[in-house]
Amino acid sequence: MAVTIKLKKFGTNLISRPAGKEALLAFSSELKKIKEKEEVIIDFEGVMVLTPSWADEFITPLQERFLKKVTLIHTENPSVEATLETLKEARRAKEAMKHSE
């Protein structure tokens, strides 16, 4: 079983930290319905602009909560690709800091 989150319902330009936080808050009632074993699919179709700040507020908490069960689809847009790479690098840096403490 999988749950698909179509990001374009939050807009085509996903650009600020407050907007990302607001989107996650608006989606929180749906999140409560997702069972632990379900896969979460995040669909970027129709998203024109995605910034690291918006993605960090919306996508990062989902990835932390559902761990390996998050799948990203329709990520071909250059803005989406660049942002997802930035998030990956930030996650790696965070992990490296944890291990060096």
PDB file of N, CA and C in Angstrom:
ATOM      1  N   MET A   1       0.847  -1.184   0.000  1.00  0.00           N
ATOM      2  CA  MET A   1       0.000   0.000   0.000  1.00  0.00           C
ATOM      3  C   MET A   1       0.890   1.244   0.000  1.00  0.00           C
ATOM      4  N   ALA A   2       0.472   2.271  -0.725  1.00  0.00           N
ATOM      5  CA  ALA A   2       1.261   3.496  -0.801  1.00  0.00           C
ATOM      6  C   ALA A   2       0.357   4.721  -0.760  1.00  0.00           C
ATOM      7  N   VAL A   3       0.896   5.784  -0.244  1.00  0.00           N
ATOM      8  CA  VAL A   3       0.218   7.068  -0.205  1.00  0.00           C
ATOM      9  C   VAL A   3       1.014   8.018  -1.099  1.00  0.00           C
ATOM     10  N   THR A   4       0.325   8.707  -2.028  1.00  0.00           N
ATOM     11  CA  THR A   4       0.997   9.637  -2.928  1.00  0.00           C
ATOM     12  C   THR A   4       0.668  11.069  -2.523  1.00  0.00           C
ATOM     13  N   ILE A   5       1.711  11.870  -2.365  1.00  0.00           N
ATOM     14  CA  ILE A   5       1.555  13.290  -2.048  1.00  0.00           C
ATOM     15  C   ILE A   5       1.923  14.066  -3.302  1.00  0.00           C
ATOM     16  N   LYS A   6       0.940  14.704  -3.927  1.00  0.00           N
ATOM     17  CA  LYS A   6       1.169  15.503  -5.134  1.00  0.00           C
ATOM     18  C   LYS A   6       1.485  16.926  -4.695  1.00  0.00           C
ATOM     19  N   LEU A   7       2.753  17.304  -4.818  1.00  0.00           N
ATOM     20  CA  LEU A   7       3.184  18.601  -4.315  1.00  0.00           C
ATOM     21  C   LEU A   7       2.564  19.779  -5.053  1.00  0.00           C
ATOM     22  N   LYS A   8       2.138  19.580  -6.302  1.00  0.00           N
ATOM     23  CA  LYS A   8       1.577  20.713  -7.044  1.00  0.00           C
ATOM     24  C   LYS A   8       0.296  21.239  -6.407  1.00  0.00           C
ATOM     25  N   LYS A   9      -0.316  20.447  -5.520  1.00  0.00           N
ATOM     26  CA  LYS A   9      -1.503  20.969  -4.836  1.00  0.00           C
ATOM     27  C   LYS A   9      -1.135  22.088  -3.859  1.00  0.00           C
ATOM     28  N   PHE A  10       0.153  22.198  -3.539  1.00  0.00           N
ATOM     29  CA  PHE A  10       0.626  23.294  -2.686  1.00  0.00           C
ATOM     30  C   PHE A  10       1.094  24.481  -3.528  1.00  0.00           C
ATOM     31  N   GLY A  11       1.095  24.306  -4.841  1.00  0.00           N
ATOM     32  CA  GLY A  11       1.513  25.364  -5.755  1.00  0.00           C
ATOM     33  C   GLY A  11       2.596  24.869  -6.696  1.00  0.00           C
ATOM     34  N   THR A  12       2.905  25.668  -7.709  1.00  0.00           N
ATOM     35  CA  THR A  12       3.954  25.281  -8.651  1.00  0.00           C
ATOM     36  C   THR A  12       5.297  25.904  -8.283  1.00  0.00           C
ATOM     37  N   ASN A  13       5.274  26.942  -7.450  1.00  0.00           N
ATOM     38  CA  ASN A  13       6.504  27.590  -6.969  1.00  0.00           C
ATOM     39  C   ASN A  13       6.558  27.423  -5.459  1.00  0.00           C
ATOM     40  N   LEU A  14       7.333  26.463  -5.015  1.00  0.00           N
ATOM     41  CA  LEU A  14       7.440  26.123  -3.590  1.00  0.00           C
ATOM     42  C   LEU A  14       8.739  26.740  -3.084  1.00  0.00           C
ATOM     43  N   ILE A  15       8.614  27.938  -2.482  1.00  0.00           N
ATOM     44  CA  ILE A  15       9.826  28.742  -2.344  1.00  0.00           C
ATOM     45  C   ILE A  15      10.232  29.241  -0.960  1.00  0.00           C
ATOM     46  N   SER A  16       9.467  29.107   0.062  1.00  0.00           N
ATOM     47  CA  SER A  16       9.938  29.678   1.328  1.00  0.00           C
ATOM     48  C   SER A  16       9.792  28.694   2.482  1.00  0.00           C
ATOM     49  N   ARG A  17      10.619  28.891   3.491  1.00  0.00           N
ATOM     50  CA  ARG A  17      10.570  28.055   4.681  1.00  0.00           C
ATOM     51  C   ARG A  17       9.189  28.150   5.360  1.00  0.00           C
ATOM     52  N   PRO A  18       8.643  29.373   5.562  1.00  0.00           N
ATOM     53  CA  PRO A  18       7.311  29.451   6.179  1.00  0.00           C
ATOM     54  C   PRO A  18       6.238  28.738   5.350  1.00  0.00           C
ATOM     55  N   ALA A  19       6.325  28.835   4.032  1.00  0.00           N
ATOM     56  CA  ALA A  19       5.334  28.158   3.177  1.00  0.00           C
ATOM     57  C   ALA A  19       5.481  26.637   3.276  1.00  0.00           C
ATOM     58  N   GLY A  20       6.702  26.137   3.364  1.00  0.00           N
ATOM     59  CA  GLY A  20       6.922  24.698   3.525  1.00  0.00           C
ATOM     60  C   GLY A  20       6.387  24.194   4.847  1.00  0.00           C
ATOM     61  N   LYS A  21       6.626  24.977   5.890  1.00  0.00           N
ATOM     62  CA  LYS A  21       6.131  24.621   7.221  1.00  0.00           C
ATOM     63  C   LYS A  21       4.600  24.620   7.223  1.00  0.00           C
ATOM     64  N   GLU A  22       4.012  25.631   6.570  1.00  0.00           N
ATOM     65  CA  GLU A  22       2.557  25.732   6.484  1.00  0.00           C
ATOM     66  C   GLU A  22       1.974  24.549   5.700  1.00  0.00           C
ATOM     67  N   ALA A  23       2.634  24.155   4.618  1.00  0.00           N
ATOM     68  CA  ALA A  23       2.168  23.020   3.814  1.00  0.00           C
ATOM     69  C   ALA A  23       2.177  21.741   4.642  1.00  0.00           C
ATOM     70  N   LEU A  24       3.243  21.533   5.407  1.00  0.00           N
ATOM     71  CA  LEU A  24       3.322  20.332   6.244  1.00  0.00           C
ATOM     72  C   LEU A  24       2.226  20.352   7.304  1.00  0.00           C
ATOM     73  N   LEU A  25       2.008  21.501   7.883  1.00  0.00           N
ATOM     74  CA  LEU A  25       0.959  21.642   8.889  1.00  0.00           C
ATOM     75  C   LEU A  25      -0.414  21.355   8.277  1.00  0.00           C
ATOM     76  N   ALA A  26      -0.650  21.880   7.077  1.00  0.00           N
ATOM     77  CA  ALA A  26      -1.920  21.645   6.390  1.00  0.00           C
ATOM     78  C   ALA A  26      -2.110  20.164   6.058  1.00  0.00           C
ATOM     79  N   PHE A  27      -1.013  19.466   5.831  1.00  0.00           N
ATOM     80  CA  PHE A  27      -1.067  18.054   5.459  1.00  0.00           C
ATOM     81  C   PHE A  27      -1.029  17.128   6.674  1.00  0.00           C
ATOM     82  N   SER A  28      -0.831  17.682   7.854  1.00  0.00           N
ATOM     83  CA  SER A  28      -0.622  16.851   9.048  1.00  0.00           C
ATOM     84  C   SER A  28      -1.780  15.913   9.360  1.00  0.00           C
ATOM     85  N   SER A  29      -3.022  16.331   9.081  1.00  0.00           N
ATOM     86  CA  SER A  29      -4.141  15.423   9.364  1.00  0.00           C
ATOM     87  C   SER A  29      -4.078  14.193   8.455  1.00  0.00           C
ATOM     88  N   GLU A  30      -3.612  14.386   7.206  1.00  0.00           N
ATOM     89  CA  GLU A  30      -3.438  13.253   6.290  1.00  0.00           C
ATOM     90  C   GLU A  30      -2.279  12.363   6.756  1.00  0.00           C
ATOM     91  N   LEU A  31      -1.232  12.989   7.265  1.00  0.00           N
ATOM     92  CA  LEU A  31      -0.062  12.228   7.734  1.00  0.00           C
ATOM     93  C   LEU A  31      -0.433  11.273   8.853  1.00  0.00           C
ATOM     94  N   LYS A  32      -1.339  11.691   9.702  1.00  0.00           N
ATOM     95  CA  LYS A  32      -1.749  10.847  10.827  1.00  0.00           C
ATOM     96  C   LYS A  32      -2.405   9.553  10.356  1.00  0.00           C
ATOM     97  N   LYS A  33      -2.963   9.576   9.141  1.00  0.00           N
ATOM     98  CA  LYS A  33      -3.647   8.401   8.595  1.00  0.00           C
ATOM     99  C   LYS A  33      -2.684   7.383   7.981  1.00  0.00           C
ATOM    100  N   ILE A  34      -1.440   7.811   7.735  1.00  0.00           N
ATOM    101  CA  ILE A  34      -0.471   6.925   7.087  1.00  0.00           C
ATOM    102  C   ILE A  34       0.061   5.917   8.096  1.00  0.00           C
ATOM    103  N   LYS A  35      -0.063   4.663   7.742  1.00  0.00           N
ATOM    104  CA  LYS A  35       0.413   3.600   8.629  1.00  0.00           C
ATOM    105  C   LYS A  35       1.927   3.437   8.484  1.00  0.00           C
ATOM    106  N   GLU A  36       2.550   2.974   9.530  1.00  0.00           N
ATOM    107  CA  GLU A  36       4.008   2.842   9.571  1.00  0.00           C
ATOM    108  C   GLU A  36       4.595   2.014   8.424  1.00  0.00           C
ATOM    109  N   LYS A  37       3.874   1.002   7.975  1.00  0.00           N
ATOM    110  CA  LYS A  37       4.407   0.120   6.929  1.00  0.00           C
ATOM    111  C   LYS A  37       4.135   0.621   5.522  1.00  0.00           C
ATOM    112  N   GLU A  38       3.357   1.696   5.387  1.00  0.00           N
ATOM    113  CA  GLU A  38       3.013   2.204   4.065  1.00  0.00           C
ATOM    114  C   GLU A  38       4.172   2.975   3.443  1.00  0.00           C
ATOM    115  N   GLU A  39       4.247   2.870   2.129  1.00  0.00           N
ATOM    116  CA  GLU A  39       5.237   3.649   1.389  1.00  0.00           C
ATOM    117  C   GLU A  39       4.639   5.031   1.139  1.00  0.00           C
ATOM    118  N   VAL A  40       5.487   6.053   1.183  1.00  0.00           N
ATOM    119  CA  VAL A  40       5.065   7.424   0.915  1.00  0.00           C
ATOM    120  C   VAL A  40       5.732   7.860  -0.388  1.00  0.00           C
ATOM    121  N   ILE A  41       4.918   8.210  -1.373  1.00  0.00           N
ATOM    122  CA  ILE A  41       5.431   8.663  -2.666  1.00  0.00           C
ATOM    123  C   ILE A  41       5.222  10.166  -2.749  1.00  0.00           C
ATOM    124  N   ILE A  42       6.309  10.894  -2.980  1.00  0.00           N
ATOM    125  CA  ILE A  42       6.215  12.343  -3.149  1.00  0.00           C
ATOM    126  C   ILE A  42       6.365  12.628  -4.632  1.00  0.00           C
ATOM    127  N   ASP A  43       5.305  13.190  -5.213  1.00  0.00           N
ATOM    128  CA  ASP A  43       5.219  13.429  -6.655  1.00  0.00           C
ATOM    129  C   ASP A  43       5.467  14.909  -6.960  1.00  0.00           C
ATOM    130  N   PHE A  44       6.534  15.182  -7.721  1.00  0.00           N
ATOM    131  CA  PHE A  44       6.919  16.551  -8.057  1.00  0.00           C
ATOM    132  C   PHE A  44       6.345  17.024  -9.388  1.00  0.00           C
ATOM    133  N   GLU A  45       5.489  16.222 -10.023  1.00  0.00           N
ATOM    134  CA  GLU A  45       4.928  16.609 -11.312  1.00  0.00           C
ATOM    135  C   GLU A  45       4.216  17.958 -11.191  1.00  0.00           C
ATOM    136  N   GLY A  46       4.519  18.874 -12.109  1.00  0.00           N
ATOM    137  CA  GLY A  46       3.891  20.191 -12.115  1.00  0.00           C
ATOM    138  C   GLY A  46       4.590  21.233 -11.267  1.00  0.00           C
ATOM    139  N   VAL A  47       5.591  20.825 -10.487  1.00  0.00           N
ATOM    140  CA  VAL A  47       6.346  21.790  -9.678  1.00  0.00           C
ATOM    141  C   VAL A  47       7.393  22.441 -10.573  1.00  0.00           C
ATOM    142  N   MET A  48       7.346  23.758 -10.663  1.00  0.00           N
ATOM    143  CA  MET A  48       8.289  24.502 -11.506  1.00  0.00           C
ATOM    144  C   MET A  48       9.528  24.920 -10.722  1.00  0.00           C
ATOM    145  N   VAL A  49       9.316  25.396  -9.488  1.00  0.00           N
ATOM    146  CA  VAL A  49      10.418  25.877  -8.649  1.00  0.00           C
ATOM    147  C   VAL A  49      10.298  25.241  -7.276  1.00  0.00           C
ATOM    148  N   LEU A  50      11.395  24.683  -6.798  1.00  0.00           N
ATOM    149  CA  LEU A  50      11.467  24.104  -5.460  1.00  0.00           C
ATOM    150  C   LEU A  50      12.752  24.596  -4.819  1.00  0.00           C
ATOM    151  N   THR A  51      12.632  25.265  -3.682  1.00  0.00           N
ATOM    152  CA  THR A  51      13.831  25.756  -3.006  1.00  0.00           C
ATOM    153  C   THR A  51      14.192  24.830  -1.844  1.00  0.00           C
ATOM    154  N   PRO A  52      15.471  24.829  -1.468  1.00  0.00           N
ATOM    155  CA  PRO A  52      15.888  24.002  -0.336  1.00  0.00           C
ATOM    156  C   PRO A  52      15.150  24.328   0.960  1.00  0.00           C
ATOM    157  N   SER A  53      14.816  25.595   1.174  1.00  0.00           N
ATOM    158  CA  SER A  53      14.142  25.953   2.428  1.00  0.00           C
ATOM    159  C   SER A  53      12.745  25.327   2.497  1.00  0.00           C
ATOM    160  N   TRP A  54      11.967  25.391   1.406  1.00  0.00           N
ATOM    161  CA  TRP A  54      10.629  24.781   1.392  1.00  0.00           C
ATOM    162  C   TRP A  54      10.763  23.267   1.568  1.00  0.00           C
ATOM    163  N   ALA A  55      11.653  22.682   0.792  1.00  0.00           N
ATOM    164  CA  ALA A  55      11.827  21.228   0.832  1.00  0.00           C
ATOM    165  C   ALA A  55      12.288  20.750   2.208  1.00  0.00           C
ATOM    166  N   ASP A  56      13.152  21.527   2.860  1.00  0.00           N
ATOM    167  CA  ASP A  56      13.642  21.142   4.179  1.00  0.00           C
ATOM    168  C   ASP A  56      12.508  21.123   5.204  1.00  0.00           C
ATOM    169  N   GLU A  57      11.563  22.013   5.052  1.00  0.00           N
ATOM    170  CA  GLU A  57      10.436  22.062   5.988  1.00  0.00           C
ATOM    171  C   GLU A  57       9.385  20.991   5.708  1.00  0.00           C
ATOM    172  N   PHE A  58       9.241  20.581   4.450  1.00  0.00           N
ATOM    173  CA  PHE A  58       8.191  19.623   4.105  1.00  0.00           C
ATOM    174  C   PHE A  58       8.736  18.213   3.902  1.00  0.00           C
ATOM    175  N   ILE A  59       9.758  18.080   3.090  1.00  0.00           N
ATOM    176  CA  ILE A  59      10.254  16.750   2.712  1.00  0.00           C
ATOM    177  C   ILE A  59      11.123  16.127   3.797  1.00  0.00           C
ATOM    178  N   THR A  60      12.016  16.908   4.389  1.00  0.00           N
ATOM    179  CA  THR A  60      12.922  16.358   5.405  1.00  0.00           C
ATOM    180  C   THR A  60      12.165  15.704   6.560  1.00  0.00           C
ATOM    181  N   PRO A  61      11.136  16.340   7.131  1.00  0.00           N
ATOM    182  CA  PRO A  61      10.405  15.655   8.217  1.00  0.00           C
ATOM    183  C   PRO A  61       9.756  14.343   7.771  1.00  0.00           C
ATOM    184  N   LEU A  62       9.276  14.307   6.526  1.00  0.00           N
ATOM    185  CA  LEU A  62       8.685  13.060   6.019  1.00  0.00           C
ATOM    186  C   LEU A  62       9.746  11.977   5.889  1.00  0.00           C
ATOM    187  N   GLN A  63      10.916  12.344   5.379  1.00  0.00           N
ATOM    188  CA  GLN A  63      11.994  11.364   5.232  1.00  0.00           C
ATOM    189  C   GLN A  63      12.476  10.884   6.596  1.00  0.00           C
ATOM    190  N   GLU A  64      12.507  11.762   7.572  1.00  0.00           N
ATOM    191  CA  GLU A  64      12.927  11.361   8.914  1.00  0.00           C
ATOM    192  C   GLU A  64      11.893  10.446   9.564  1.00  0.00           C
ATOM    193  N   ARG A  65      10.634  10.739   9.341  1.00  0.00           N
ATOM    194  CA  ARG A  65       9.568   9.929   9.959  1.00  0.00           C
ATOM    195  C   ARG A  65       9.424   8.566   9.301  1.00  0.00           C
ATOM    196  N   PHE A  66       9.444   8.536   7.969  1.00  0.00           N
ATOM    197  CA  PHE A  66       9.172   7.284   7.253  1.00  0.00           C
ATOM    198  C   PHE A  66      10.428   6.591   6.748  1.00  0.00           C
ATOM    199  N   LEU A  67      11.596   7.173   7.007  1.00  0.00           N
ATOM    200  CA  LEU A  67      12.903   6.609   6.678  1.00  0.00           C
ATOM    201  C   LEU A  67      12.993   6.125   5.240  1.00  0.00           C
ATOM    202  N   LYS A  68      13.242   4.857   5.044  1.00  0.00           N
ATOM    203  CA  LYS A  68      13.490   4.302   3.708  1.00  0.00           C
ATOM    204  C   LYS A  68      12.221   4.102   2.880  1.00  0.00           C
ATOM    205  N   LYS A  69      11.062   4.433   3.437  1.00  0.00           N
ATOM    206  CA  LYS A  69       9.805   4.177   2.738  1.00  0.00           C
ATOM    207  C   LYS A  69       9.333   5.374   1.912  1.00  0.00           C
ATOM    208  N   VAL A  70      10.182   6.397   1.740  1.00  0.00           N
ATOM    209  CA  VAL A  70       9.813   7.570   0.942  1.00  0.00           C
ATOM    210  C   VAL A  70      10.416   7.434  -0.454  1.00  0.00           C
ATOM    211  N   THR A  71       9.571   7.557  -1.468  1.00  0.00           N
ATOM    212  CA  THR A  71      10.005   7.500  -2.859  1.00  0.00           C
ATOM    213  C   THR A  71       9.664   8.827  -3.519  1.00  0.00           C
ATOM    214  N   LEU A  72      10.611   9.374  -4.265  1.00  0.00           N
ATOM    215  CA  LEU A  72      10.412  10.637  -4.967  1.00  0.00           C
ATOM    216  C   LEU A  72      10.235  10.357  -6.448  1.00  0.00           C
ATOM    217  N   ILE A  73       9.160  10.892  -7.055  1.00  0.00           N
ATOM    218  CA  ILE A  73       8.928  10.675  -8.480  1.00  0.00           C
ATOM    219  C   ILE A  73       8.752  12.009  -9.206  1.00  0.00           C
ATOM    220  N   HIS A  74       8.963  11.966 -10.527  1.00  0.00           N
ATOM    221  CA  HIS A  74       8.878  13.151 -11.394  1.00  0.00           C
ATOM    222  C   HIS A  74       9.820  14.252 -10.900  1.00  0.00           C
ATOM    223  N   THR A  75      11.073  13.883 -10.703  1.00  0.00           N
ATOM    224  CA  THR A  75      12.072  14.816 -10.163  1.00  0.00           C
ATOM    225  C   THR A  75      12.975  15.393 -11.253  1.00  0.00           C
ATOM    226  N   GLU A  76      12.569  15.307 -12.517  1.00  0.00           N
ATOM    227  CA  GLU A  76      13.437  15.674 -13.636  1.00  0.00           C
ATOM    228  C   GLU A  76      13.665  17.183 -13.772  1.00  0.00           C
ATOM    229  N   ASN A  77      12.812  18.011 -13.203  1.00  0.00           N
ATOM    230  CA  ASN A  77      12.952  19.458 -13.288  1.00  0.00           C
ATOM    231  C   ASN A  77      14.295  19.872 -12.666  1.00  0.00           C
ATOM    232  N   PRO A  78      15.080  20.735 -13.340  1.00  0.00           N
ATOM    233  CA  PRO A  78      16.392  21.138 -12.803  1.00  0.00           C
ATOM    234  C   PRO A  78      16.326  21.767 -11.412  1.00  0.00           C
ATOM    235  N   SER A  79      15.278  22.531 -11.136  1.00  0.00           N
ATOM    236  CA  SER A  79      15.119  23.143  -9.819  1.00  0.00           C
ATOM    237  C   SER A  79      14.915  22.070  -8.751  1.00  0.00           C
ATOM    238  N   VAL A  80      14.094  21.086  -9.062  1.00  0.00           N
ATOM    239  CA  VAL A  80      13.835  19.985  -8.131  1.00  0.00           C
ATOM    240  C   VAL A  80      15.102  19.167  -7.940  1.00  0.00           C
ATOM    241  N   GLU A  81      15.790  18.830  -9.029  1.00  0.00           N
ATOM    242  CA  GLU A  81      17.030  18.046  -8.938  1.00  0.00           C
ATOM    243  C   GLU A  81      18.064  18.740  -8.059  1.00  0.00           C
ATOM    244  N   ALA A  82      18.266  20.035  -8.290  1.00  0.00           N
ATOM    245  CA  ALA A  82      19.278  20.782  -7.528  1.00  0.00           C
ATOM    246  C   ALA A  82      18.920  20.835  -6.043  1.00  0.00           C
ATOM    247  N   THR A  83      17.654  21.057  -5.754  1.00  0.00           N
ATOM    248  CA  THR A  83      17.223  21.123  -4.361  1.00  0.00           C
ATOM    249  C   THR A  83      17.377  19.784  -3.662  1.00  0.00           C
ATOM    250  N   LEU A  84      16.997  18.711  -4.324  1.00  0.00           N
ATOM    251  CA  LEU A  84      17.124  17.386  -3.710  1.00  0.00           C
ATOM    252  C   LEU A  84      18.584  17.042  -3.450  1.00  0.00           C
ATOM    253  N   GLU A  85      19.472  17.455  -4.353  1.00  0.00           N
ATOM    254  CA  GLU A  85      20.909  17.232  -4.147  1.00  0.00           C
ATOM    255  C   GLU A  85      21.403  18.033  -2.941  1.00  0.00           C
ATOM    256  N   THR A  86      20.933  19.266  -2.812  1.00  0.00           N
ATOM    257  CA  THR A  86      21.303  20.106  -1.667  1.00  0.00           C
ATOM    258  C   THR A  86      20.854  19.464  -0.358  1.00  0.00           C
ATOM    259  N   LEU A  87      19.642  18.927  -0.344  1.00  0.00           N
ATOM    260  CA  LEU A  87      19.145  18.259   0.863  1.00  0.00           C
ATOM    261  C   LEU A  87      19.983  17.027   1.207  1.00  0.00           C
ATOM    262  N   LYS A  88      20.367  16.263   0.171  1.00  0.00           N
ATOM    263  CA  LYS A  88      21.214  15.080   0.396  1.00  0.00           C
ATOM    264  C   LYS A  88      22.540  15.478   1.030  1.00  0.00           C
ATOM    265  N   GLU A  89      23.151  16.529   0.488  1.00  0.00           N
ATOM    266  CA  GLU A  89      24.432  16.999   1.023  1.00  0.00           C
ATOM    267  C   GLU A  89      24.279  17.474   2.461  1.00  0.00           C
ATOM    268  N   ALA A  90      23.202  18.182   2.752  1.00  0.00           N
ATOM    269  CA  ALA A  90      22.964  18.658   4.112  1.00  0.00           C
ATOM    270  C   ALA A  90      22.782  17.488   5.071  1.00  0.00           C
ATOM    271  N   ARG A  91      22.074  16.445   4.620  1.00  0.00           N
ATOM    272  CA  ARG A  91      21.864  15.262   5.452  1.00  0.00           C
ATOM    273  C   ARG A  91      23.182  14.551   5.730  1.00  0.00           C
ATOM    274  N   ARG A  92      24.028  14.455   4.684  1.00  0.00           N
ATOM    275  CA  ARG A  92      25.353  13.832   4.861  1.00  0.00           C
ATOM    276  C   ARG A  92      26.194  14.618   5.851  1.00  0.00           C
ATOM    277  N   ALA A  93      26.178  15.937   5.751  1.00  0.00           N
ATOM    278  CA  ALA A  93      26.946  16.785   6.656  1.00  0.00           C
ATOM    279  C   ALA A  93      26.437  16.642   8.096  1.00  0.00           C
ATOM    280  N   LYS A  94      25.136  16.563   8.254  1.00  0.00           N
ATOM    281  CA  LYS A  94      24.534  16.386   9.568  1.00  0.00           C
ATOM    282  C   LYS A  94      24.963  15.059  10.190  1.00  0.00           C
ATOM    283  N   GLU A  95      24.937  13.996   9.378  1.00  0.00           N
ATOM    284  CA  GLU A  95      25.372  12.678   9.851  1.00  0.00           C
ATOM    285  C   GLU A  95      26.841  12.678  10.231  1.00  0.00           C
ATOM    286  N   ALA A  96      27.656  13.326   9.413  1.00  0.00           N
ATOM    287  CA  ALA A  96      29.097  13.389   9.690  1.00  0.00           C
ATOM    288  C   ALA A  96      29.359  14.115  11.007  1.00  0.00           C
ATOM    289  N   MET A  97      28.593  15.158  11.267  1.00  0.00           N
ATOM    290  CA  MET A  97      28.748  15.896  12.524  1.00  0.00           C
ATOM    291  C   MET A  97      28.356  15.030  13.710  1.00  0.00           C
ATOM    292  N   LYS A  98      27.302  14.228  13.566  1.00  0.00           N
ATOM    293  CA  LYS A  98      26.866  13.341  14.644  1.00  0.00           C
ATOM    294  C   LYS A  98      27.959  12.336  14.992  1.00  0.00           C
ATOM    295  N   HIS A  99      28.614  11.797  13.955  1.00  0.00           N
ATOM    296  CA  HIS A  99      29.623  10.768  14.172  1.00  0.00           C
ATOM    297  C   HIS A  99      30.936  11.333  14.713  1.00  0.00           C
ATOM    298  N   SER A 100      31.155  12.625  14.536  1.00  0.00           N
ATOM    299  CA  SER A 100      32.400  13.222  15.012  1.00  0.00           C
ATOM    300  C   SER A 100      32.290  13.714  16.460  1.00  0.00           C
ATOM    301  N   GLU A 101      31.094  13.698  16.999  1.00  0.00           N
ATOM    302  CA  GLU A 101      30.899  14.179  18.394  1.00  0.00           C
ATOM    303  C   GLU A 101      31.325  13.143  19.402  1.00  0.00           C
TER     304      GLU A 101
END
